[in-house]
C-alpha cells in the first residue's frame, strides 16, 4: 500500500527573533513524522545551519529575506525543502568533494563546516535556483523505532 504524502509548511523572515518559532516548527514536524530523537536533532541542526547562513549572508545581512520551509513525509522518508529569498548562492558549489566530517583540523579549510554537515548528514542533497529563490532540498529516513532506554 502506497502512503499518501503529508506536507506541512512554515513561512517566516530570516531574522534572529524568528529562530525560536522556526525551531519549534522543525521539532514538532519531526515528532509528527515519527522521527527518532537522533533524526530530529539532525534535522534541527541542518535547518539551523541553513537559517543562520540566510540571516548572516542573505542580502548582506542588511534586511531580512523570506524563508519557506516545507516538510513532506512519504514512504517512511522525511523530505525537507528550505527556500530563501537571498541573493542567488549555491552553498555546495565551492565545497571540495574530497573533504568530509572525518577530516582532521589540519586538513579542514576555514568555513564551510555547516554546508559539509548538510552534505554528509542529509540524503539526496540538492541546490536549485527556482522562481527567484535559493532552494536546498534533502531527505532523511523517518526511523520511528522506539527510543531504547539504557
N, C-alpha and C. Protein backbone atom coordinates (compact mmCIF):
# COMPACT_ATOMS: atom_id res chain seq x y z
N UNK A 1 0.84 -1.18 0.00
CA UNK A 1 0.00 0.00 0.00
C UNK A 1 0.89 1.25 0.00
N UNK A 2 0.65 2.17 -0.92
CA UNK A 2 1.42 3.40 -1.03
C UNK A 2 0.82 4.44 -0.10
N UNK A 3 1.68 5.05 0.68
CA UNK A 3 1.28 6.06 1.65
C UNK A 3 1.05 7.40 0.96
N UNK A 4 -0.01 8.12 1.33
CA UNK A 4 -0.27 9.44 0.79
C UNK A 4 0.68 10.43 1.45
N UNK A 5 1.42 11.22 0.64
CA UNK A 5 2.35 12.20 1.23
C UNK A 5 1.61 13.23 2.08
N UNK A 6 2.22 13.60 3.19
CA UNK A 6 1.68 14.62 4.07
C UNK A 6 2.70 15.75 4.13
N UNK A 7 2.27 16.99 3.84
CA UNK A 7 3.17 18.14 3.85
C UNK A 7 2.71 19.17 4.87
N UNK A 8 3.70 19.86 5.45
CA UNK A 8 3.43 20.96 6.36
C UNK A 8 4.49 22.03 6.09
N UNK A 9 4.07 23.30 6.08
CA UNK A 9 4.98 24.39 5.71
C UNK A 9 4.96 25.52 6.73
N UNK A 10 6.05 26.28 6.73
CA UNK A 10 6.17 27.48 7.54
C UNK A 10 6.78 28.55 6.66
N UNK A 11 6.26 29.76 6.76
CA UNK A 11 6.83 30.93 6.09
C UNK A 11 7.22 31.91 7.18
N UNK A 12 8.45 32.41 7.11
CA UNK A 12 8.92 33.38 8.10
C UNK A 12 9.96 34.28 7.46
N UNK A 13 10.52 35.19 8.24
CA UNK A 13 11.61 36.04 7.78
C UNK A 13 12.91 35.53 8.39
N UNK A 14 14.00 35.69 7.65
CA UNK A 14 15.32 35.31 8.16
C UNK A 14 15.80 36.39 9.12
N UNK A 15 15.36 36.28 10.35
CA UNK A 15 15.72 37.23 11.40
C UNK A 15 15.90 36.44 12.70
N UNK A 16 16.85 36.85 13.51
CA UNK A 16 17.16 36.11 14.74
C UNK A 16 15.93 35.88 15.62
N UNK A 17 15.04 36.87 15.70
CA UNK A 17 13.87 36.73 16.57
C UNK A 17 12.90 35.67 16.06
N UNK A 18 13.02 35.25 14.81
CA UNK A 18 12.15 34.22 14.25
C UNK A 18 12.66 32.80 14.54
N UNK A 19 13.93 32.69 14.97
CA UNK A 19 14.51 31.35 15.13
C UNK A 19 13.74 30.46 16.12
N UNK A 20 13.31 30.94 17.29
CA UNK A 20 12.57 30.04 18.19
C UNK A 20 11.31 29.45 17.54
N UNK A 21 10.62 30.26 16.77
CA UNK A 21 9.41 29.76 16.07
C UNK A 21 9.79 28.72 15.03
N UNK A 22 10.87 28.98 14.28
CA UNK A 22 11.35 28.03 13.28
C UNK A 22 11.75 26.72 13.94
N UNK A 23 12.51 26.80 15.03
CA UNK A 23 12.96 25.59 15.71
C UNK A 23 11.78 24.78 16.24
N UNK A 24 10.80 25.45 16.83
CA UNK A 24 9.61 24.75 17.34
C UNK A 24 8.87 24.05 16.19
N UNK A 25 8.77 24.73 15.05
CA UNK A 25 8.13 24.13 13.88
C UNK A 25 8.87 22.87 13.43
N UNK A 26 10.19 22.96 13.35
CA UNK A 26 11.00 21.82 12.92
C UNK A 26 10.83 20.66 13.89
N UNK A 27 10.92 20.95 15.17
CA UNK A 27 10.79 19.89 16.18
C UNK A 27 9.43 19.22 16.11
N UNK A 28 8.36 20.02 16.07
CA UNK A 28 7.01 19.46 16.02
C UNK A 28 6.78 18.67 14.72
N UNK A 29 7.31 19.15 13.62
CA UNK A 29 7.16 18.45 12.34
C UNK A 29 7.85 17.09 12.39
N UNK A 30 9.03 17.05 12.98
CA UNK A 30 9.76 15.78 13.09
C UNK A 30 9.05 14.80 14.01
N UNK A 31 8.51 15.31 15.12
CA UNK A 31 7.75 14.45 16.03
C UNK A 31 6.54 13.89 15.32
N UNK A 32 5.84 14.75 14.60
CA UNK A 32 4.65 14.34 13.85
C UNK A 32 4.98 13.29 12.80
N UNK A 33 6.21 13.40 12.22
CA UNK A 33 6.64 12.44 11.20
C UNK A 33 7.10 11.12 11.82
N UNK A 34 7.22 11.09 13.15
CA UNK A 34 7.64 9.87 13.81
C UNK A 34 9.14 9.66 13.83
N UNK A 35 9.90 10.73 13.66
CA UNK A 35 11.37 10.62 13.67
C UNK A 35 11.86 10.31 15.08
N UNK A 36 12.94 9.56 15.14
CA UNK A 36 13.58 9.29 16.42
C UNK A 36 14.24 10.58 16.92
N UNK A 37 14.65 10.58 18.17
CA UNK A 37 15.34 11.75 18.74
C UNK A 37 16.58 12.07 17.92
N UNK A 38 17.33 11.05 17.55
CA UNK A 38 18.56 11.25 16.77
C UNK A 38 18.26 11.94 15.43
N UNK A 39 17.25 11.46 14.72
CA UNK A 39 16.88 12.07 13.44
C UNK A 39 16.39 13.49 13.64
N UNK A 40 15.59 13.70 14.67
CA UNK A 40 15.05 15.03 14.95
C UNK A 40 16.19 16.03 15.21
N UNK A 41 17.17 15.64 16.00
CA UNK A 41 18.29 16.53 16.30
C UNK A 41 19.11 16.82 15.04
N UNK A 42 19.25 15.85 14.17
CA UNK A 42 19.97 16.07 12.91
C UNK A 42 19.24 17.08 12.03
N UNK A 43 17.95 16.92 11.90
CA UNK A 43 17.17 17.85 11.06
C UNK A 43 17.24 19.26 11.65
N UNK A 44 17.09 19.38 12.97
CA UNK A 44 17.17 20.69 13.62
C UNK A 44 18.53 21.33 13.32
N UNK A 45 19.60 20.56 13.42
CA UNK A 45 20.95 21.07 13.16
C UNK A 45 21.08 21.57 11.72
N UNK A 46 20.60 20.79 10.77
CA UNK A 46 20.74 21.17 9.36
C UNK A 46 19.92 22.41 9.03
N UNK A 47 18.71 22.50 9.55
CA UNK A 47 17.88 23.69 9.31
C UNK A 47 18.50 24.90 10.00
N UNK A 48 19.05 24.72 11.20
CA UNK A 48 19.71 25.83 11.89
C UNK A 48 20.89 26.35 11.06
N UNK A 49 21.65 25.47 10.45
CA UNK A 49 22.78 25.89 9.61
C UNK A 49 22.29 26.71 8.42
N UNK A 50 21.26 26.23 7.75
CA UNK A 50 20.72 26.95 6.59
C UNK A 50 20.18 28.31 7.01
N UNK A 51 19.39 28.33 8.09
CA UNK A 51 18.77 29.57 8.54
C UNK A 51 19.81 30.59 8.99
N UNK A 52 20.81 30.15 9.75
CA UNK A 52 21.87 31.05 10.21
C UNK A 52 22.61 31.67 9.04
N UNK A 53 22.91 30.86 8.02
CA UNK A 53 23.57 31.40 6.83
C UNK A 53 22.70 32.43 6.13
N UNK A 54 21.40 32.17 6.06
CA UNK A 54 20.49 33.13 5.43
C UNK A 54 20.46 34.43 6.22
N UNK A 55 20.37 34.35 7.55
CA UNK A 55 20.33 35.54 8.40
C UNK A 55 21.62 36.35 8.23
N UNK A 56 22.76 35.67 8.27
CA UNK A 56 24.05 36.37 8.24
C UNK A 56 24.44 36.87 6.85
N UNK A 57 24.11 36.11 5.82
CA UNK A 57 24.61 36.43 4.49
C UNK A 57 23.56 36.85 3.48
N UNK A 58 22.29 36.55 3.74
CA UNK A 58 21.24 36.91 2.80
C UNK A 58 21.15 38.41 2.64
N UNK A 59 21.27 38.90 1.42
CA UNK A 59 21.23 40.34 1.11
C UNK A 59 22.21 41.12 1.99
N UNK A 60 23.37 40.50 2.22
CA UNK A 60 24.41 41.17 3.00
C UNK A 60 24.09 41.28 4.48
N UNK A 61 23.09 40.53 4.95
CA UNK A 61 22.71 40.60 6.35
C UNK A 61 22.02 41.89 6.72
N UNK A 62 21.68 42.73 5.72
CA UNK A 62 21.11 44.05 5.98
C UNK A 62 19.61 43.99 6.24
N UNK A 63 18.89 43.26 5.42
CA UNK A 63 17.44 43.18 5.59
C UNK A 63 17.00 41.73 5.59
N UNK A 64 15.99 41.40 6.41
CA UNK A 64 15.51 40.02 6.44
C UNK A 64 14.89 39.61 5.11
N UNK A 65 15.13 38.40 4.73
CA UNK A 65 14.56 37.86 3.49
C UNK A 65 13.56 36.77 3.85
N UNK A 66 12.61 36.49 2.97
CA UNK A 66 11.64 35.43 3.27
C UNK A 66 12.29 34.05 3.26
N UNK A 67 11.78 33.19 4.13
CA UNK A 67 12.19 31.79 4.20
C UNK A 67 10.93 30.94 4.17
N UNK A 68 10.94 29.95 3.31
CA UNK A 68 9.85 28.97 3.23
C UNK A 68 10.44 27.61 3.57
N UNK A 69 9.82 26.92 4.51
CA UNK A 69 10.30 25.61 4.92
C UNK A 69 9.15 24.62 4.81
N UNK A 70 9.38 23.53 4.08
CA UNK A 70 8.34 22.52 3.89
C UNK A 70 8.88 21.14 4.23
N UNK A 71 8.11 20.41 5.01
CA UNK A 71 8.40 19.01 5.32
C UNK A 71 7.34 18.16 4.65
N UNK A 72 7.78 17.11 3.98
CA UNK A 72 6.86 16.16 3.38
C UNK A 72 7.24 14.77 3.85
N UNK A 73 6.28 14.05 4.38
CA UNK A 73 6.51 12.68 4.83
C UNK A 73 5.80 11.75 3.85
N UNK A 74 6.58 10.85 3.26
CA UNK A 74 6.02 9.87 2.34
C UNK A 74 6.91 8.63 2.36
N UNK A 75 6.29 7.48 2.42
CA UNK A 75 7.01 6.21 2.35
C UNK A 75 8.17 6.16 3.33
N UNK A 76 7.92 6.52 4.58
CA UNK A 76 8.90 6.45 5.67
C UNK A 76 10.12 7.33 5.44
N UNK A 77 9.97 8.39 4.63
CA UNK A 77 11.06 9.31 4.39
C UNK A 77 10.58 10.74 4.60
N UNK A 78 11.39 11.51 5.32
CA UNK A 78 11.09 12.91 5.57
C UNK A 78 11.86 13.73 4.55
N UNK A 79 11.14 14.47 3.71
CA UNK A 79 11.77 15.32 2.70
C UNK A 79 11.66 16.76 3.17
N UNK A 80 12.78 17.46 3.11
CA UNK A 80 12.85 18.84 3.59
C UNK A 80 13.18 19.75 2.43
N UNK A 81 12.44 20.85 2.33
CA UNK A 81 12.68 21.86 1.29
C UNK A 81 12.83 23.20 2.00
N UNK A 82 14.02 23.79 1.88
CA UNK A 82 14.33 25.07 2.50
C UNK A 82 14.57 26.08 1.39
N UNK A 83 13.76 27.14 1.36
CA UNK A 83 13.90 28.18 0.34
C UNK A 83 14.11 29.53 1.02
N UNK A 84 14.98 30.35 0.42
CA UNK A 84 15.14 31.71 0.92
C UNK A 84 15.22 32.69 -0.24
N UNK A 85 14.87 33.93 0.05
CA UNK A 85 14.86 34.98 -0.96
C UNK A 85 16.14 35.80 -0.99
N UNK A 86 17.24 35.22 -0.51
CA UNK A 86 18.54 35.92 -0.55
C UNK A 86 19.07 35.92 -1.98
N UNK A 87 20.19 36.61 -2.18
CA UNK A 87 20.84 36.60 -3.48
C UNK A 87 21.19 35.17 -3.87
N UNK A 88 21.18 34.92 -5.15
CA UNK A 88 21.45 33.58 -5.65
C UNK A 88 22.82 33.09 -5.16
N UNK A 89 22.82 31.92 -4.49
CA UNK A 89 24.07 31.37 -3.99
C UNK A 89 23.92 29.86 -3.77
N UNK A 90 24.77 29.09 -4.45
CA UNK A 90 24.81 27.64 -4.28
C UNK A 90 25.88 27.33 -3.24
N UNK A 91 25.50 26.98 -2.01
CA UNK A 91 26.50 26.76 -0.97
C UNK A 91 27.37 25.53 -1.21
N UNK A 92 26.94 24.64 -2.07
CA UNK A 92 27.68 23.41 -2.31
C UNK A 92 28.69 23.54 -3.44
N UNK A 93 28.59 24.61 -4.20
CA UNK A 93 29.45 24.78 -5.38
C UNK A 93 30.93 24.85 -5.01
N UNK A 94 31.26 25.56 -3.95
CA UNK A 94 32.67 25.73 -3.59
C UNK A 94 33.17 24.67 -2.60
N UNK A 95 32.29 23.74 -2.22
CA UNK A 95 32.66 22.70 -1.27
C UNK A 95 33.51 21.64 -1.97
N UNK A 96 34.67 21.38 -1.44
CA UNK A 96 35.57 20.38 -2.02
C UNK A 96 34.97 18.99 -1.78
N UNK A 97 34.71 18.22 -2.84
CA UNK A 97 34.10 16.90 -2.67
C UNK A 97 35.00 15.91 -1.92
N UNK A 98 36.29 16.23 -1.80
CA UNK A 98 37.21 15.34 -1.10
C UNK A 98 37.15 15.51 0.42
N UNK A 99 36.62 16.64 0.89
CA UNK A 99 36.55 16.87 2.33
C UNK A 99 35.36 16.13 2.93
N UNK A 100 35.54 15.68 4.17
CA UNK A 100 34.46 15.01 4.89
C UNK A 100 34.52 15.41 6.35
N UNK A 101 33.51 15.00 7.10
CA UNK A 101 33.45 15.33 8.52
C UNK A 101 34.57 14.66 9.30
N UNK A 102 35.16 13.62 8.75
CA UNK A 102 36.23 12.91 9.46
C UNK A 102 37.60 13.55 9.24
N UNK A 103 37.70 14.61 8.43
CA UNK A 103 38.97 15.29 8.23
C UNK A 103 39.51 15.83 9.56
N UNK A 104 40.83 15.82 9.68
CA UNK A 104 41.45 16.42 10.86
C UNK A 104 41.39 17.95 10.72
N UNK A 105 41.64 18.63 11.81
CA UNK A 105 41.61 20.09 11.81
C UNK A 105 42.60 20.65 10.79
N UNK A 106 43.75 20.00 10.67
CA UNK A 106 44.78 20.47 9.74
C UNK A 106 44.31 20.39 8.28
N UNK A 107 43.49 19.41 7.96
CA UNK A 107 43.02 19.24 6.58
C UNK A 107 41.78 20.09 6.27
N UNK A 108 41.08 20.49 7.29
CA UNK A 108 39.80 21.20 7.10
C UNK A 108 40.03 22.67 6.78
N UNK A 109 39.45 23.16 5.70
CA UNK A 109 39.58 24.59 5.39
C UNK A 109 38.73 25.42 6.34
N UNK A 110 39.01 26.72 6.42
CA UNK A 110 38.20 27.61 7.24
C UNK A 110 36.83 27.79 6.59
N UNK A 111 35.80 27.81 7.40
CA UNK A 111 34.44 27.99 6.90
C UNK A 111 33.91 26.75 6.22
N UNK A 112 32.62 26.76 5.96
CA UNK A 112 32.00 25.67 5.20
C UNK A 112 31.62 24.44 5.99
N UNK A 113 31.84 24.44 7.31
CA UNK A 113 31.53 23.25 8.10
C UNK A 113 30.02 22.96 8.09
N UNK A 114 29.20 24.00 8.18
CA UNK A 114 27.75 23.79 8.17
C UNK A 114 27.27 23.17 6.87
N UNK A 115 27.82 23.63 5.75
CA UNK A 115 27.44 23.08 4.44
C UNK A 115 27.91 21.63 4.35
N UNK A 116 29.09 21.36 4.89
CA UNK A 116 29.61 19.99 4.91
C UNK A 116 28.70 19.08 5.74
N UNK A 117 28.21 19.59 6.88
CA UNK A 117 27.27 18.83 7.70
C UNK A 117 26.02 18.48 6.90
N UNK A 118 25.50 19.45 6.18
CA UNK A 118 24.29 19.22 5.39
C UNK A 118 24.54 18.13 4.35
N UNK A 119 25.67 18.25 3.66
CA UNK A 119 26.00 17.26 2.62
C UNK A 119 26.20 15.87 3.21
N UNK A 120 26.85 15.78 4.36
CA UNK A 120 27.17 14.48 4.95
C UNK A 120 25.99 13.84 5.70
N UNK A 121 25.19 14.64 6.38
CA UNK A 121 24.11 14.09 7.20
C UNK A 121 22.79 13.96 6.45
N UNK A 122 22.60 14.79 5.44
CA UNK A 122 21.38 14.71 4.64
C UNK A 122 21.54 13.65 3.56
N UNK A 123 20.43 13.28 2.99
CA UNK A 123 20.42 12.31 1.90
C UNK A 123 19.78 13.02 0.70
N UNK A 124 20.25 12.74 -0.50
CA UNK A 124 19.70 13.36 -1.71
C UNK A 124 19.74 14.89 -1.63
N UNK A 125 20.86 15.43 -1.19
CA UNK A 125 21.01 16.88 -1.02
C UNK A 125 21.12 17.54 -2.39
N UNK A 126 20.32 18.58 -2.60
CA UNK A 126 20.31 19.29 -3.89
C UNK A 126 20.16 20.79 -3.66
N UNK A 127 20.72 21.56 -4.60
CA UNK A 127 20.51 23.00 -4.62
C UNK A 127 19.91 23.35 -5.98
N UNK A 128 18.99 24.33 -5.97
CA UNK A 128 18.43 24.85 -7.22
C UNK A 128 18.05 26.32 -6.99
N UNK A 129 18.07 27.08 -8.08
CA UNK A 129 17.57 28.45 -8.09
C UNK A 129 16.23 28.38 -8.77
N UNK A 130 15.15 28.59 -8.01
CA UNK A 130 13.81 28.40 -8.53
C UNK A 130 12.94 29.61 -8.22
N UNK A 131 12.41 30.24 -9.26
CA UNK A 131 11.48 31.37 -9.11
C UNK A 131 12.06 32.45 -8.19
N UNK A 132 13.34 32.77 -8.38
CA UNK A 132 13.98 33.81 -7.60
C UNK A 132 14.31 33.44 -6.17
N UNK A 133 14.32 32.14 -5.87
CA UNK A 133 14.60 31.66 -4.52
C UNK A 133 15.72 30.63 -4.55
N UNK A 134 16.61 30.67 -3.56
CA UNK A 134 17.56 29.59 -3.33
C UNK A 134 16.77 28.44 -2.73
N UNK A 135 16.99 27.24 -3.21
CA UNK A 135 16.24 26.09 -2.72
C UNK A 135 17.21 24.95 -2.43
N UNK A 136 17.26 24.54 -1.17
CA UNK A 136 18.05 23.38 -0.77
C UNK A 136 17.07 22.31 -0.33
N UNK A 137 17.22 21.13 -0.90
CA UNK A 137 16.38 20.00 -0.50
C UNK A 137 17.26 18.87 -0.01
N UNK A 138 16.74 18.13 0.94
CA UNK A 138 17.41 16.91 1.41
C UNK A 138 16.35 16.02 2.03
N UNK A 139 16.71 14.78 2.26
CA UNK A 139 15.77 13.86 2.88
C UNK A 139 16.50 13.05 3.95
N UNK A 140 15.70 12.43 4.80
CA UNK A 140 16.19 11.54 5.84
C UNK A 140 15.14 10.49 6.08
N UNK A 141 15.59 9.27 6.35
CA UNK A 141 14.58 8.26 6.69
C UNK A 141 13.92 8.64 8.01
N UNK A 142 12.63 8.46 8.09
CA UNK A 142 11.90 8.72 9.34
C UNK A 142 11.91 7.41 10.12
N UNK A 143 12.99 7.21 10.87
CA UNK A 143 13.14 5.94 11.58
C UNK A 143 12.40 5.98 12.91
N UNK A 144 11.18 5.62 12.86
CA UNK A 144 10.30 5.75 14.02
C UNK A 144 10.44 4.59 15.01
N UNK A 145 11.60 4.05 15.12
CA UNK A 145 11.79 2.97 16.09
C UNK A 145 11.71 3.57 17.48
N UNK A 146 11.10 2.85 18.40
CA UNK A 146 11.01 3.40 19.77
C UNK A 146 12.40 3.65 20.33
N UNK A 147 12.52 4.70 21.10
CA UNK A 147 13.79 5.02 21.74
C UNK A 147 14.12 3.91 22.74
N UNK A 148 15.34 3.47 22.71
CA UNK A 148 15.77 2.42 23.65
C UNK A 148 16.24 3.05 24.94
N UNK A 149 15.74 2.55 26.03
CA UNK A 149 16.18 3.06 27.32
C UNK A 149 17.42 2.29 27.74
N UNK A 150 18.39 3.03 28.26
CA UNK A 150 19.64 2.38 28.65
C UNK A 150 19.82 2.39 30.14
